[in-house]
Amino acid sequence: MKIRVTNIPGALGPENARILAEELMKARDQIGSLYAGAVKTEIKATEPYPPIDMGTLMTGIAATPVSGKLKTSVAPSPVTNPYAVVMEMGRRPNQPGPPLDPILDWVQRKFGLSGKKADSAAFLVRRKIHRRGIKPRFFFQRARRSKQVRDQAVSLSRAAVRRARKRWAAAGGRPK
């Protein structure tokens, strides 16, 4: 999501530009948190069933400000949460099978199986994923396209500009 701030005079001066940048950085962080929360809400609302087991997918999603820029990244870490990309974008059929160990752990938790029965069930789940793939969930895309999130982001950006203007007025300096 991109938000463009317009109608700001070009000759702000260095102090006023610094104040505006500070306020917009605060808004950036708030918008990042808003978007991360929207992604988590979309995960919970995913149909036919939410991809929630131990909460690893949810806890791995956070807003990370990009240093020195008015940009925030909201994404799961592929290192700590490798299956998040698969849940978002899906997996085509007939791709190499997913790792068996996480599926075995899931089968044991979900069905209370152990030993050969758990091994057999995990193999069957893995084979089904290999044959049918996984449908994409698009929870990041749905959160990004949400009108409510977009409206709140615009509102936070406008509030940042208003705060900057108040600070300019309090400091006795107005943009020219």
C-alpha atoms as a PDB file:
ATOM      1  CA  MET A   1       0.000   0.000   0.000  1.00  0.00           C
ATOM      2  CA  LYS A   2       1.408   3.373  -0.959  1.00  0.00           C
ATOM      3  CA  ILE A   3       0.285   6.660   0.527  1.00  0.00           C
ATOM      4  CA  ARG A   4       1.344   9.907  -1.084  1.00  0.00           C
ATOM      5  CA  VAL A   5       1.462  13.102   0.949  1.00  0.00           C
ATOM      6  CA  THR A   6       0.565  16.095  -1.228  1.00  0.00           C
ATOM      7  CA  ASN A   7      -0.086  19.821  -0.776  1.00  0.00           C
ATOM      8  CA  ILE A   8       3.039  20.289   1.339  1.00  0.00           C
ATOM      9  CA  PRO A   9       4.924  23.462   0.425  1.00  0.00           C
ATOM     10  CA  GLY A  10       8.230  22.795  -1.286  1.00  0.00           C
ATOM     11  CA  ALA A  11      10.241  25.279   0.812  1.00  0.00           C
ATOM     12  CA  LEU A  12       9.714  23.748   4.247  1.00  0.00           C
ATOM     13  CA  GLY A  13      13.120  24.542   5.555  1.00  0.00           C
ATOM     14  CA  PRO A  14      15.328  21.989   7.278  1.00  0.00           C
ATOM     15  CA  GLU A  15      13.661  22.148  10.728  1.00  0.00           C
ATOM     16  CA  ASN A  16      10.128  21.839   9.385  1.00  0.00           C
ATOM     17  CA  ALA A  17      11.182  19.026   7.061  1.00  0.00           C
ATOM     18  CA  ARG A  18      12.679  17.178  10.060  1.00  0.00           C
ATOM     19  CA  ILE A  19       9.441  17.617  12.042  1.00  0.00           C
ATOM     20  CA  LEU A  20       7.363  16.329   9.130  1.00  0.00           C
ATOM     21  CA  ALA A  21       9.670  13.336   8.669  1.00  0.00           C
ATOM     22  CA  GLU A  22       9.408  12.459  12.397  1.00  0.00           C
ATOM     23  CA  GLU A  23       5.624  12.558  12.315  1.00  0.00           C
ATOM     24  CA  LEU A  24       5.430  10.532   9.113  1.00  0.00           C
ATOM     25  CA  MET A  25       7.802   7.918  10.584  1.00  0.00           C
ATOM     26  CA  LYS A  26       5.426   7.563  13.555  1.00  0.00           C
ATOM     27  CA  ALA A  27       2.523   7.140  11.135  1.00  0.00           C
ATOM     28  CA  ARG A  28       4.551   4.573   9.177  1.00  0.00           C
ATOM     29  CA  ASP A  29       4.973   2.480  12.310  1.00  0.00           C
ATOM     30  CA  GLN A  30       1.269   2.741  13.170  1.00  0.00           C
ATOM     31  CA  ILE A  31       0.259   1.777   9.634  1.00  0.00           C
ATOM     32  CA  GLY A  32       2.639  -1.198   9.703  1.00  0.00           C
ATOM     33  CA  SER A  33       1.081  -2.430  12.947  1.00  0.00           C
ATOM     34  CA  LEU A  34      -2.391  -1.864  11.500  1.00  0.00           C
ATOM     35  CA  TYR A  35      -1.539  -3.921   8.420  1.00  0.00           C
ATOM     36  CA  ALA A  36       0.072  -6.727  10.456  1.00  0.00           C
ATOM     37  CA  GLY A  37      -3.085  -6.896  12.571  1.00  0.00           C
ATOM     38  CA  ALA A  38      -5.236  -7.000   9.425  1.00  0.00           C
ATOM     39  CA  VAL A  39      -3.177  -9.905   8.051  1.00  0.00           C
ATOM     40  CA  LYS A  40      -3.707 -11.828  11.311  1.00  0.00           C
ATOM     41  CA  THR A  41      -7.439 -11.117  11.134  1.00  0.00           C
ATOM     42  CA  GLU A  42      -7.519 -12.433   7.563  1.00  0.00           C
ATOM     43  CA  ILE A  43      -5.679 -15.597   8.626  1.00  0.00           C
ATOM     44  CA  LYS A  44      -8.322 -16.239  11.291  1.00  0.00           C
ATOM     45  CA  ALA A  45     -11.112 -15.620   8.768  1.00  0.00           C
ATOM     46  CA  THR A  46      -9.667 -17.898   6.069  1.00  0.00           C
ATOM     47  CA  GLU A  47     -12.153 -20.376   4.606  1.00  0.00           C
ATOM     48  CA  PRO A  48     -12.774 -23.308   4.562  1.00  0.00           C
ATOM     49  CA  TYR A  49     -10.652 -23.481   7.708  1.00  0.00           C
ATOM     50  CA  PRO A  50      -8.044 -21.122   9.153  1.00  0.00           C
ATOM     51  CA  PRO A  51      -4.439 -22.340   8.892  1.00  0.00           C
ATOM     52  CA  ILE A  52      -3.915 -22.172  12.650  1.00  0.00           C
ATOM     53  CA  ASP A  53      -2.356 -25.019  14.609  1.00  0.00           C
ATOM     54  CA  MET A  54       0.320 -23.849  17.039  1.00  0.00           C
ATOM     55  CA  GLY A  55       0.192 -20.172  16.097  1.00  0.00           C
ATOM     56  CA  THR A  56       3.560 -20.159  14.338  1.00  0.00           C
ATOM     57  CA  LEU A  57       2.146 -18.457  11.256  1.00  0.00           C
ATOM     58  CA  MET A  58       0.506 -15.700  13.324  1.00  0.00           C
ATOM     59  CA  THR A  59       3.454 -15.002  15.611  1.00  0.00           C
ATOM     60  CA  GLY A  60       5.846 -14.758  12.677  1.00  0.00           C
ATOM     61  CA  ILE A  61       3.979 -11.797  11.155  1.00  0.00           C
ATOM     62  CA  ALA A  62       5.185  -8.399  12.274  1.00  0.00           C
ATOM     63  CA  ALA A  63       5.716  -4.916  10.921  1.00  0.00           C
ATOM     64  CA  THR A  64       9.376  -4.123  10.339  1.00  0.00           C
ATOM     65  CA  PRO A  65      10.246  -0.500   9.507  1.00  0.00           C
ATOM     66  CA  VAL A  66      12.723  -0.072   6.670  1.00  0.00           C
ATOM     67  CA  SER A  67      15.543   2.001   8.155  1.00  0.00           C
ATOM     68  CA  GLY A  68      15.511   5.654   7.155  1.00  0.00           C
ATOM     69  CA  LYS A  69      12.565   5.310   4.792  1.00  0.00           C
ATOM     70  CA  LEU A  70       8.845   5.848   4.994  1.00  0.00           C
ATOM     71  CA  LYS A  71       8.373   2.174   4.317  1.00  0.00           C
ATOM     72  CA  THR A  72       7.374  -0.801   6.452  1.00  0.00           C
ATOM     73  CA  SER A  73       7.638  -4.453   5.544  1.00  0.00           C
ATOM     74  CA  VAL A  74       4.928  -6.770   6.846  1.00  0.00           C
ATOM     75  CA  ALA A  75       5.912 -10.313   6.009  1.00  0.00           C
ATOM     76  CA  PRO A  76       6.746 -13.572   7.701  1.00  0.00           C
ATOM     77  CA  SER A  77      10.372 -14.536   7.830  1.00  0.00           C
ATOM     78  CA  PRO A  78      11.015 -17.377   5.363  1.00  0.00           C
ATOM     79  CA  VAL A  79      13.672 -18.633   7.785  1.00  0.00           C
ATOM     80  CA  THR A  80      11.494 -18.839  10.905  1.00  0.00           C
ATOM     81  CA  ASN A  81       8.220 -19.452   9.079  1.00  0.00           C
ATOM     82  CA  PRO A  82       8.909 -21.223   5.770  1.00  0.00           C
ATOM     83  CA  TYR A  83       5.382 -22.471   5.168  1.00  0.00           C
ATOM     84  CA  ALA A  84       3.821 -18.984   5.345  1.00  0.00           C
ATOM     85  CA  VAL A  85       4.677 -18.328   1.697  1.00  0.00           C
ATOM     86  CA  VAL A  86       3.118 -21.667   0.740  1.00  0.00           C
ATOM     87  CA  MET A  87      -0.057 -20.826   2.679  1.00  0.00           C
ATOM     88  CA  GLU A  88      -0.248 -17.397   1.031  1.00  0.00           C
ATOM     89  CA  MET A  89       0.608 -18.339  -2.551  1.00  0.00           C
ATOM     90  CA  GLY A  90      -0.339 -22.017  -2.560  1.00  0.00           C
ATOM     91  CA  ARG A  91       1.540 -25.002  -3.894  1.00  0.00           C
ATOM     92  CA  ARG A  92       1.047 -26.483  -7.347  1.00  0.00           C
ATOM     93  CA  PRO A  93       0.305 -30.197  -7.705  1.00  0.00           C
ATOM     94  CA  ASN A  94       3.125 -32.615  -8.496  1.00  0.00           C
ATOM     95  CA  GLN A  95       5.816 -30.480  -6.907  1.00  0.00           C
ATOM     96  CA  PRO A  96       8.321 -32.281  -4.682  1.00  0.00           C
ATOM     97  CA  GLY A  97       6.607 -33.309  -1.475  1.00  0.00           C
ATOM     98  CA  PRO A  98       6.794 -31.083   1.580  1.00  0.00           C
ATOM     99  CA  PRO A  99       9.045 -32.129   4.469  1.00  0.00           C
ATOM    100  CA  LEU A 100       7.631 -35.106   6.369  1.00  0.00           C
ATOM    101  CA  ASP A 101       8.704 -34.151   9.908  1.00  0.00           C
ATOM    102  CA  PRO A 102       6.386 -31.119  10.342  1.00  0.00           C
ATOM    103  CA  ILE A 103       3.499 -33.151   8.906  1.00  0.00           C
ATOM    104  CA  LEU A 104       4.268 -36.000  11.311  1.00  0.00           C
ATOM    105  CA  ASP A 105       4.273 -33.567  14.239  1.00  0.00           C
ATOM    106  CA  TRP A 106       0.937 -32.127  13.060  1.00  0.00           C
ATOM    107  CA  VAL A 107      -0.632 -35.591  12.662  1.00  0.00           C
ATOM    108  CA  GLN A 108       0.448 -36.524  16.183  1.00  0.00           C
ATOM    109  CA  ARG A 109      -1.017 -33.310  17.647  1.00  0.00           C
ATOM    110  CA  LYS A 110      -4.182 -33.283  15.567  1.00  0.00           C
ATOM    111  CA  PHE A 111      -5.163 -36.933  15.743  1.00  0.00           C
ATOM    112  CA  GLY A 112      -3.242 -38.207  18.780  1.00  0.00           C
ATOM    113  CA  LEU A 113      -1.570 -40.921  16.707  1.00  0.00           C
ATOM    114  CA  SER A 114       1.847 -42.386  17.374  1.00  0.00           C
ATOM    115  CA  GLY A 115       4.220 -44.978  15.958  1.00  0.00           C
ATOM    116  CA  LYS A 116       3.399 -46.668  12.646  1.00  0.00           C
ATOM    117  CA  LYS A 117      -0.125 -45.185  12.502  1.00  0.00           C
ATOM    118  CA  ALA A 118       1.269 -41.645  12.754  1.00  0.00           C
ATOM    119  CA  ASP A 119       3.935 -42.424  10.142  1.00  0.00           C
ATOM    120  CA  SER A 120       1.319 -43.836   7.782  1.00  0.00           C
ATOM    121  CA  ALA A 121      -1.079 -40.910   8.243  1.00  0.00           C
ATOM    122  CA  ALA A 122       1.742 -38.375   7.756  1.00  0.00           C
ATOM    123  CA  PHE A 123       2.814 -40.146   4.555  1.00  0.00           C
ATOM    124  CA  LEU A 124      -0.772 -40.038   3.227  1.00  0.00           C
ATOM    125  CA  VAL A 125      -1.117 -36.311   4.029  1.00  0.00           C
ATOM    126  CA  ARG A 126       2.205 -35.605   2.337  1.00  0.00           C
ATOM    127  CA  ARG A 127       1.181 -37.628  -0.724  1.00  0.00           C
ATOM    128  CA  LYS A 128      -2.148 -35.782  -0.959  1.00  0.00           C
ATOM    129  CA  ILE A 129      -0.333 -32.421  -0.808  1.00  0.00           C
ATOM    130  CA  HIS A 130       2.050 -33.677  -3.506  1.00  0.00           C
ATOM    131  CA  ARG A 131      -0.814 -34.825  -5.767  1.00  0.00           C
ATOM    132  CA  ARG A 132      -3.348 -32.037  -5.209  1.00  0.00           C
ATOM    133  CA  GLY A 133      -1.202 -29.130  -4.089  1.00  0.00           C
ATOM    134  CA  ILE A 134      -2.434 -26.479  -1.661  1.00  0.00           C
ATOM    135  CA  LYS A 135      -4.859 -23.760  -2.673  1.00  0.00           C
ATOM    136  CA  PRO A 136      -3.552 -20.237  -2.086  1.00  0.00           C
ATOM    137  CA  ARG A 137      -5.100 -18.385   0.850  1.00  0.00           C
ATOM    138  CA  PHE A 138      -4.094 -14.804  -0.104  1.00  0.00           C
ATOM    139  CA  PHE A 139      -4.483 -13.408   3.421  1.00  0.00           C
ATOM    140  CA  PHE A 140      -1.766 -10.778   2.802  1.00  0.00           C
ATOM    141  CA  GLN A 141      -3.459  -9.663  -0.414  1.00  0.00           C
ATOM    142  CA  ARG A 142      -6.893  -9.512   1.211  1.00  0.00           C
ATOM    143  CA  ALA A 143      -5.520  -7.407   4.077  1.00  0.00           C
ATOM    144  CA  ARG A 144      -3.757  -5.056   1.659  1.00  0.00           C
ATOM    145  CA  ARG A 145      -6.922  -4.581  -0.402  1.00  0.00           C
ATOM    146  CA  SER A 146      -9.166  -4.003   2.597  1.00  0.00           C
ATOM    147  CA  LYS A 147     -10.973  -0.675   2.331  1.00  0.00           C
ATOM    148  CA  GLN A 148     -11.042  -0.382   6.123  1.00  0.00           C
ATOM    149  CA  VAL A 149      -7.244  -0.763   6.379  1.00  0.00           C
ATOM    150  CA  ARG A 150      -6.707   1.684   3.526  1.00  0.00           C
ATOM    151  CA  ASP A 151      -9.035   4.272   5.085  1.00  0.00           C
ATOM    152  CA  GLN A 152      -7.339   3.952   8.479  1.00  0.00           C
ATOM    153  CA  ALA A 153      -3.899   4.286   6.872  1.00  0.00           C
ATOM    154  CA  VAL A 154      -4.934   7.475   5.090  1.00  0.00           C
ATOM    155  CA  SER A 155      -6.399   8.790   8.347  1.00  0.00           C
ATOM    156  CA  LEU A 156      -3.146   8.068  10.226  1.00  0.00           C
ATOM    157  CA  SER A 157      -1.136   9.822   7.501  1.00  0.00           C
ATOM    158  CA  ARG A 158      -3.358  12.890   7.617  1.00  0.00           C
ATOM    159  CA  ALA A 159      -3.101  12.963  11.405  1.00  0.00           C
ATOM    160  CA  ALA A 160       0.705  12.922  11.077  1.00  0.00           C
ATOM    161  CA  VAL A 161       0.614  15.961   8.789  1.00  0.00           C
ATOM    162  CA  ARG A 162      -1.753  17.757  11.202  1.00  0.00           C
ATOM    163  CA  ARG A 163       0.612  17.014  14.115  1.00  0.00           C
ATOM    164  CA  ALA A 164       3.526  18.363  12.078  1.00  0.00           C
ATOM    165  CA  ARG A 165       1.600  21.561  11.319  1.00  0.00           C
ATOM    166  CA  LYS A 166       0.817  22.016  15.029  1.00  0.00           C
ATOM    167  CA  ARG A 167       4.474  21.568  15.887  1.00  0.00           C
ATOM    168  CA  TRP A 168       5.431  24.112  13.204  1.00  0.00           C
ATOM    169  CA  ALA A 169       2.959  26.604  14.633  1.00  0.00           C
ATOM    170  CA  ALA A 170       4.165  25.989  18.215  1.00  0.00           C
ATOM    171  CA  ALA A 171       7.748  26.561  17.139  1.00  0.00           C
ATOM    172  CA  GLY A 172       6.738  29.811  15.464  1.00  0.00           C
ATOM    173  CA  GLY A 173       7.745  28.599  12.039  1.00  0.00           C
ATOM    174  CA  ARG A 174       5.255  28.103   9.274  1.00  0.00           C
ATOM    175  CA  PRO A 175       6.039  26.495   5.976  1.00  0.00           C
ATOM    176  CA  LYS A 176       6.373  29.040   3.224  1.00  0.00           C
END
